[in-house]
Amino acid sequence: MVDIRHWCFSHLKMKSRDAQRMILFPAIDLKDGQCVRLELGDMNRATVFNEDPAAQARAFEEAGFEWLHLVDLNGAFAGRPVNARAVQSILQAVCIPVQLGGGIRDMATIEHWLEAGVRRVILGTVAVREPELVREACKRFPGRVAVGIDAKGGKVAVEGWAETSELTAIELAKRFEDAGVAAIIHTDIDRDGVLKGLNIDSTLELANAISIPVIASGGLASIEDIKRLLEPDCAVLEGAISGRALYDGRLDWAEALRLIHEARGRG
């Protein structure tokens, strides 16, 4: 019998991709084992979109998406993995690479998820609290550690967005310039889940201030956002994450992917 995880990794290596080509990451946010979307990061304002996260993941893969973005929302608040069963079911259901954040705050948890088949882990709170853990993880697992920078009012939020630090996104990102971080995932909390459109200005300001690839998150609302991301000044971005707009039909999956593939062809 073929080891599906081994096959998937080999398949991923064959699918080489220019780092400058925009990737659209569909988000699966996990709360109590279900696929949900929050408004402004508020756990009490959650909408359930699918009770079967693995089925949702398969739908995204079948639609032609190249990556999945997973967040263990309960884990982000608890400081440890909570939706592990749902994450495992997704890893078994799809072959496309997965990045995972939420409740990953020690080396043992990092190792566990990378060994389980997660392509890269996203470290958020520990990037502020324990930056040396981020550096050590990057050394041990090159290319497989991303840093999540969630900003509210321009300041970095931690502990599942429950607390705000005094650091700006750029200040935090610059601390890891020489660490080997694979990507910075920049989320504008004030726009997350409310379909106001991406905060392109602040995301580009961050991307142009550092050498680490940046992924935009928070507020992607329509095909107009995709068109904006494909303009020349956004070529510095690795991609963008979309959640609610994909689920409620505001963003046509097929049209978004068609525009991205056309842009690649022109490149």
Protein backbone atom coordinates (compact mmCIF):
# COMPACT_ATOMS: atom_id res chain seq x y z
CA MET A 1 0.00 0.00 0.00
CA VAL A 2 1.27 3.48 -0.90
CA ASP A 3 1.99 5.81 2.01
CA ILE A 4 -0.26 8.75 1.07
CA ARG A 5 1.80 11.28 3.05
CA HIS A 6 5.00 10.18 1.30
CA TRP A 7 3.26 10.42 -2.08
CA CYS A 8 1.89 13.86 -1.26
CA PHE A 9 5.32 15.18 -0.25
CA SER A 10 6.88 13.82 -3.42
CA HIS A 11 4.05 15.32 -5.45
CA LEU A 12 4.59 18.68 -3.76
CA LYS A 13 8.29 18.68 -4.58
CA MET A 14 7.51 18.07 -8.25
CA LYS A 15 5.09 20.98 -8.34
CA SER A 16 7.77 23.67 -8.22
CA ARG A 17 6.35 27.19 -8.15
CA ASP A 18 7.81 30.67 -8.53
CA ALA A 19 7.69 32.30 -5.09
CA GLN A 20 6.50 35.54 -6.72
CA ARG A 21 3.32 33.95 -8.09
CA MET A 22 0.28 34.79 -6.00
CA ILE A 23 -1.30 31.91 -4.07
CA LEU A 24 -4.89 32.05 -2.83
CA PHE A 25 -5.11 30.18 0.48
CA PRO A 26 -8.64 29.07 1.45
CA ALA A 27 -9.07 29.23 5.22
CA ILE A 28 -10.55 26.54 7.41
CA ASP A 29 -11.00 27.90 10.92
CA LEU A 30 -11.80 25.19 13.44
CA LYS A 31 -14.01 25.73 16.47
CA ASP A 32 -15.44 22.81 18.43
CA GLY A 33 -14.60 20.47 15.54
CA GLN A 34 -16.51 22.51 12.98
CA CYS A 35 -15.53 24.78 10.12
CA VAL A 36 -16.49 28.34 11.12
CA ARG A 37 -15.77 31.99 10.45
CA LEU A 38 -15.51 34.60 13.16
CA GLU A 39 -16.27 38.30 12.96
CA LEU A 40 -13.41 40.52 14.19
CA GLY A 41 -11.84 37.56 15.97
CA ASP A 42 -14.75 37.23 18.42
CA MET A 43 -15.39 33.58 19.39
CA ASN A 44 -18.95 34.52 20.32
CA ARG A 45 -19.62 35.71 16.77
CA ALA A 46 -18.97 32.48 14.91
CA THR A 47 -20.88 31.24 11.87
CA VAL A 48 -20.73 27.49 11.18
CA PHE A 49 -20.23 26.83 7.47
CA ASN A 50 -19.49 23.12 7.50
CA GLU A 51 -19.74 20.49 10.23
CA ASP A 52 -17.29 18.26 8.32
CA PRO A 53 -13.91 20.05 7.95
CA ALA A 54 -12.41 17.16 5.97
CA ALA A 55 -15.21 17.39 3.39
CA GLN A 56 -14.60 21.14 3.14
CA ALA A 57 -10.89 20.55 2.63
CA ARG A 58 -11.60 18.05 -0.16
CA ALA A 59 -13.92 20.56 -1.84
CA PHE A 60 -11.16 23.17 -1.85
CA GLU A 61 -8.64 20.70 -3.27
CA GLU A 62 -11.05 19.55 -5.98
CA ALA A 63 -11.71 23.18 -6.92
CA GLY A 64 -8.01 23.60 -7.74
CA PHE A 65 -6.59 25.38 -4.69
CA GLU A 66 -2.91 24.66 -4.08
CA TRP A 67 -2.68 25.15 -0.31
CA LEU A 68 -4.93 25.08 2.75
CA HIS A 69 -4.72 27.50 5.67
CA LEU A 70 -5.93 25.94 8.94
CA VAL A 71 -6.42 27.62 12.30
CA ASP A 72 -7.28 25.86 15.55
CA LEU A 73 -9.31 28.69 17.07
CA ASN A 74 -9.94 26.93 20.38
CA GLY A 75 -6.24 26.11 20.51
CA ALA A 76 -5.28 29.75 20.00
CA PHE A 77 -7.13 30.69 23.18
CA ALA A 78 -6.19 27.56 25.16
CA GLY A 79 -2.50 27.72 24.23
CA ARG A 80 -2.48 24.08 23.13
CA PRO A 81 -4.02 22.00 20.31
CA VAL A 82 -7.75 21.44 20.80
CA ASN A 83 -9.08 20.52 17.35
CA ALA A 84 -6.43 17.88 16.68
CA ARG A 85 -8.96 15.28 15.49
CA ALA A 86 -10.35 17.67 12.86
CA VAL A 87 -6.84 18.60 11.70
CA GLN A 88 -5.87 14.93 11.39
CA SER A 89 -9.00 14.21 9.36
CA ILE A 90 -8.06 17.01 6.95
CA LEU A 91 -4.48 15.77 6.60
CA GLN A 92 -5.80 12.32 5.70
CA ALA A 93 -8.35 13.71 3.25
CA VAL A 94 -6.19 15.90 0.99
CA CYS A 95 -2.84 15.89 -0.77
CA ILE A 96 -2.26 19.62 -1.15
CA PRO A 97 0.05 21.21 1.44
CA VAL A 98 -1.41 22.53 4.68
CA GLN A 99 -0.24 25.34 6.95
CA LEU A 100 -1.56 25.29 10.52
CA GLY A 101 -1.72 27.82 13.33
CA GLY A 102 -3.38 28.07 16.71
CA GLY A 103 -2.09 26.74 20.03
CA ILE A 104 1.39 25.85 18.75
CA ARG A 105 3.62 27.16 21.51
CA ASP A 106 6.37 24.63 22.19
CA MET A 107 8.86 22.52 20.24
CA ALA A 108 7.04 19.27 20.99
CA THR A 109 3.86 20.55 19.35
CA ILE A 110 5.80 21.90 16.38
CA GLU A 111 7.47 18.52 15.89
CA HIS A 112 4.18 16.67 16.30
CA TRP A 113 2.38 18.57 13.57
CA LEU A 114 5.26 18.55 11.11
CA GLU A 115 5.67 14.80 11.58
CA ALA A 116 1.90 14.36 11.19
CA GLY A 117 2.01 15.87 7.70
CA VAL A 118 1.50 19.62 8.19
CA ARG A 119 3.71 21.35 5.62
CA ARG A 120 4.39 24.38 7.78
CA VAL A 121 3.36 25.55 11.22
CA ILE A 122 2.39 29.12 12.03
CA LEU A 123 3.75 30.59 15.26
CA GLY A 124 1.97 33.64 16.61
CA THR A 125 1.92 34.30 20.34
CA VAL A 126 5.32 32.65 20.89
CA ALA A 127 6.85 34.96 18.28
CA VAL A 128 6.23 37.76 20.78
CA ARG A 129 6.68 35.82 24.02
CA GLU A 130 9.51 33.43 23.05
CA PRO A 131 11.28 34.58 19.87
CA GLU A 132 14.14 32.16 20.49
CA LEU A 133 11.72 29.26 20.07
CA VAL A 134 10.90 30.57 16.60
CA ARG A 135 14.59 30.82 15.73
CA GLU A 136 15.32 27.31 16.99
CA ALA A 137 12.34 25.86 15.12
CA CYS A 138 13.50 27.54 11.89
CA LYS A 139 16.95 25.99 12.30
CA ARG A 140 15.55 22.52 12.96
CA PHE A 141 12.86 22.66 10.28
CA PRO A 142 14.06 24.91 7.41
CA GLY A 143 11.26 26.30 5.27
CA ARG A 144 8.53 24.88 7.48
CA VAL A 145 7.95 27.63 10.04
CA ALA A 146 5.86 30.74 9.41
CA VAL A 147 5.12 33.60 11.78
CA GLY A 148 1.59 34.90 12.18
CA ILE A 149 1.39 38.63 12.87
CA ASP A 150 -2.13 39.69 13.77
CA ALA A 151 -2.51 43.45 14.08
CA LYS A 152 -5.27 45.46 15.69
CA GLY A 153 -5.05 49.22 15.39
CA GLY A 154 -1.52 48.76 14.11
CA LYS A 155 -0.36 46.80 17.18
CA VAL A 156 0.38 43.08 17.37
CA ALA A 157 -2.29 41.01 19.13
CA VAL A 158 -1.57 37.74 20.94
CA GLU A 159 -3.33 34.98 22.92
CA GLY A 160 -5.95 34.38 20.24
CA TRP A 161 -6.29 38.15 19.71
CA ALA A 162 -7.38 38.57 23.33
CA GLU A 163 -4.41 40.80 24.20
CA THR A 164 -2.60 43.59 22.35
CA SER A 165 1.13 44.18 22.68
CA GLU A 166 3.04 47.42 22.14
CA LEU A 167 4.88 46.06 19.10
CA THR A 168 4.02 47.07 15.55
CA ALA A 169 3.86 44.44 12.82
CA ILE A 170 7.02 45.76 11.17
CA GLU A 171 8.95 45.83 14.46
CA LEU A 172 8.07 42.21 15.14
CA ALA A 173 8.78 41.01 11.61
CA LYS A 174 12.21 42.64 11.55
CA ARG A 175 13.20 40.62 14.61
CA PHE A 176 13.11 37.50 12.42
CA GLU A 177 14.81 38.81 9.28
CA ASP A 178 17.80 36.50 9.74
CA ALA A 179 15.95 33.58 11.34
CA GLY A 180 14.91 31.67 8.22
CA VAL A 181 11.15 32.23 8.60
CA ALA A 182 9.33 30.83 5.56
CA ALA A 183 6.58 33.47 5.53
CA ILE A 184 4.86 36.17 7.54
CA ILE A 185 1.06 35.89 7.64
CA HIS A 186 -0.24 39.39 8.25
CA THR A 187 -3.84 39.64 9.46
CA ASP A 188 -5.70 42.90 9.95
CA ILE A 189 -8.05 41.94 12.80
CA ASP A 190 -10.22 45.00 12.24
CA ARG A 191 -11.17 43.58 8.84
CA ASP A 192 -11.22 39.86 9.55
CA GLY A 193 -14.53 38.23 8.76
CA VAL A 194 -16.38 41.45 7.92
CA LEU A 195 -15.71 41.59 4.16
CA LYS A 196 -14.35 45.15 4.05
CA GLY A 197 -11.54 44.27 1.66
CA LEU A 198 -7.89 43.59 2.34
CA ASN A 199 -5.75 46.25 3.99
CA ILE A 200 -3.38 46.38 1.04
CA ASP A 201 -1.58 49.52 2.15
CA SER A 202 -0.42 48.19 5.53
CA THR A 203 0.36 44.76 4.09
CA LEU A 204 2.52 46.24 1.34
CA GLU A 205 4.22 48.52 3.85
CA LEU A 206 5.20 45.43 5.81
CA ALA A 207 6.23 43.43 2.74
CA ASN A 208 8.43 46.24 1.45
CA ALA A 209 10.10 46.66 4.85
CA ILE A 210 11.35 43.06 5.12
CA SER A 211 12.81 40.32 2.96
CA ILE A 212 10.53 37.56 4.32
CA PRO A 213 7.60 36.63 2.02
CA VAL A 214 4.30 38.08 3.26
CA ILE A 215 0.79 36.62 2.99
CA ALA A 216 -2.16 39.01 3.33
CA SER A 217 -5.13 38.07 5.50
CA GLY A 218 -8.29 39.67 6.82
CA GLY A 219 -11.18 41.11 4.84
CA LEU A 220 -10.78 39.64 1.35
CA ALA A 221 -14.28 40.25 0.02
CA SER A 222 -14.62 39.97 -3.74
CA ILE A 223 -13.07 39.39 -7.12
CA GLU A 224 -11.95 43.03 -7.01
CA ASP A 225 -9.56 42.10 -4.20
CA ILE A 226 -8.10 39.34 -6.38
CA LYS A 227 -7.62 41.80 -9.24
CA ARG A 228 -5.90 44.22 -6.85
CA LEU A 229 -3.56 41.47 -5.66
CA LEU A 230 -2.54 40.79 -9.25
CA GLU A 231 -1.40 44.36 -9.86
CA PRO A 232 2.38 44.89 -10.18
CA ASP A 233 2.95 46.44 -6.74
CA CYS A 234 1.52 43.31 -5.08
CA ALA A 235 4.10 41.04 -6.74
CA VAL A 236 6.08 41.28 -3.48
CA LEU A 237 3.34 39.25 -1.73
CA GLU A 238 3.36 35.45 -1.61
CA GLY A 239 -0.43 35.39 -1.60
CA ALA A 240 -3.60 36.01 0.35
CA ILE A 241 -5.97 34.11 2.60
CA SER A 242 -9.72 34.09 2.05
CA GLY A 243 -12.41 32.75 4.34
CA ARG A 244 -15.96 34.06 4.61
CA ALA A 245 -16.12 35.35 1.02
CA LEU A 246 -15.39 31.84 -0.26
CA TYR A 247 -18.05 30.29 1.93
CA ASP A 248 -20.93 32.69 1.34
CA GLY A 249 -20.43 32.95 -2.42
CA ARG A 250 -19.23 36.54 -2.62
CA LEU A 251 -15.99 35.30 -4.16
CA ASP A 252 -16.36 33.00 -7.15
CA TRP A 253 -13.72 30.31 -6.59
CA ALA A 254 -13.41 29.39 -10.26
CA GLU A 255 -13.12 32.99 -11.44
CA ALA A 256 -10.53 33.83 -8.79
CA LEU A 257 -8.36 30.85 -9.71
CA ARG A 258 -8.80 31.59 -13.44
CA LEU A 259 -7.50 35.15 -12.99
CA ILE A 260 -4.53 33.91 -10.97
CA HIS A 261 -3.61 31.28 -13.54
CA GLU A 262 -3.95 33.80 -16.38
CA ALA A 263 -1.62 36.18 -14.53
CA ARG A 264 0.92 33.39 -14.15
CA GLY A 265 0.75 32.70 -17.85
CA ARG A 266 1.51 36.33 -18.60
CA GLY A 267 4.44 36.21 -16.17
